[in-house]
Every structure is written in structure tokens, then in C-alpha cells.
Protein backbone atom coordinates (compact mmCIF):
# COMPACT_ATOMS: atom_id res chain seq x y z
CA MET A 1 27.73 6.65 41.34
CA ARG A 2 26.71 8.93 38.49
CA GLN A 3 30.35 9.10 37.38
CA ILE A 4 30.55 5.26 37.20
CA GLN A 5 27.38 5.06 35.06
CA MET A 6 28.84 7.56 32.67
CA THR A 7 32.17 5.67 32.41
CA ARG A 8 30.17 2.55 31.58
CA ARG A 9 28.40 4.33 28.75
CA LEU A 10 31.68 5.55 27.34
CA ALA A 11 33.27 2.09 27.51
CA GLU A 12 30.55 0.64 25.32
CA PRO A 13 31.62 0.26 21.69
CA LEU A 14 30.17 2.83 19.29
CA LYS A 15 27.82 1.43 16.71
CA THR A 16 28.53 2.69 13.22
CA THR A 17 26.05 2.44 10.44
CA CYS A 18 26.84 3.08 6.84
CA ASP A 19 24.45 2.93 3.90
CA ILE A 20 26.04 0.33 1.57
CA SER A 21 24.90 2.22 -1.56
CA LEU A 22 27.09 5.15 -0.62
CA LYS A 23 30.25 2.99 -0.33
CA THR A 24 32.69 2.59 -3.18
CA PHE A 25 34.19 -0.62 -2.03
CA LEU A 26 32.42 -3.48 -0.35
CA THR A 27 33.35 -6.62 1.84
CA VAL A 28 31.97 -10.01 1.21
CA PRO A 29 29.15 -9.67 3.82
CA GLU A 30 28.22 -6.32 2.38
CA VAL A 31 28.01 -7.79 -1.11
CA CYS A 32 25.83 -10.52 0.23
CA THR A 33 23.49 -7.87 1.75
CA TYR A 34 23.74 -5.68 -1.29
CA THR A 35 22.93 -8.41 -3.80
CA GLY A 36 20.83 -10.73 -1.68
CA LEU A 37 23.14 -13.67 -2.55
CA SER A 38 24.69 -16.04 -0.02
CA ARG A 39 28.49 -16.25 0.78
CA THR A 40 28.50 -19.50 -1.13
CA SER A 41 26.79 -17.91 -4.25
CA ILE A 42 29.28 -14.97 -4.05
CA ALA A 43 32.28 -17.34 -3.89
CA LYS A 44 30.97 -19.30 -6.91
CA ALA A 45 30.23 -16.10 -8.80
CA ARG A 46 33.81 -14.97 -8.13
CA GLU A 47 35.40 -18.31 -9.18
CA GLU A 48 33.10 -19.47 -12.00
CA LEU A 49 31.11 -16.52 -13.29
CA GLY A 50 33.71 -13.72 -13.19
CA LEU A 51 32.29 -11.47 -10.44
CA PRO A 52 35.06 -8.83 -10.35
CA SER A 53 36.93 -8.58 -6.98
CA MET A 54 40.33 -7.81 -5.58
CA LYS A 55 42.35 -8.51 -2.47
CA VAL A 56 43.24 -5.47 -0.30
CA MET A 57 45.54 -6.29 2.57
CA GLY A 58 44.38 -9.96 2.39
CA LYS A 59 40.59 -9.18 2.35
CA ILE A 60 38.46 -9.83 -0.61
CA THR A 61 36.96 -6.50 -1.72
CA PHE A 62 34.46 -5.51 -4.38
CA GLU A 63 34.04 -2.25 -6.21
CA ARG A 64 30.22 -1.64 -5.98
CA ALA A 65 30.01 -0.03 -9.51
CA ARG A 66 31.62 -3.25 -11.10
CA VAL A 67 29.20 -5.36 -9.01
CA ASP A 68 26.37 -3.35 -10.45
CA GLU A 69 27.67 -3.91 -13.99
CA TRP A 70 28.14 -7.66 -13.38
CA MET A 71 24.71 -8.07 -12.04
CA LYS A 72 23.18 -6.30 -15.07
CA LYS A 73 25.12 -8.58 -17.40
CA GLN A 74 24.05 -11.69 -15.50
CA GLY A 75 20.41 -10.47 -15.66
CA ASN A 76 20.69 -9.84 -19.37
CA LYS A 77 22.17 -13.33 -20.00
CA ASN A 78 19.43 -15.01 -17.93
CA ALA A 79 16.63 -12.89 -19.63
CA ARG A 80 17.68 -14.26 -23.10
CA SER A 81 17.36 -17.90 -21.91
CA VAL A 82 13.95 -17.61 -20.25
CA ARG A 83 11.00 -18.86 -22.31
CA TYR A 84 7.57 -17.33 -21.74
């Protein structure tokens, strides 16, 4: 019986965790988590606002450093238009 229980444990998929801030390239869900934006907002940012991305083997991928740069530029643009 003990051997069966051990086999069940080994058959369970391993859960991997990775700190997004340590990754160089991010997927769409990771960019959503990283930026706090929805998938719709990310798609709009790519298509209309120039969020840099690339396709790798058919998947949309973002370089984290370029996402950081883009976010800073967007913040600077919005800060100029805000009136206090």
C-alpha cells in the first residue's frame, strides 16, 4: 500500500514557480501580471500604442526590459497631460 501512495505522489505534476522579475522574456499572461493590465489592454497596447513584442514559435513574447521602458514612456506622456 505504501508503494502505491508514493507512486501517486510521483504521478502528480510538479508545480514550478518563477519570479517574473527574474525572467528576460514574458508571455502575455505574465505581462498582464507584471503590469497589472488586462489581456485586452495588452492587446490594445501592442496594436495601437506600440508595446514592443515579438512572436517566438507562434507565441507572443515580450522582453521584460523593453516592457519596462515602454511603461516609463507611457507614464511620462500621461504625467504631462495631467492637470493639478
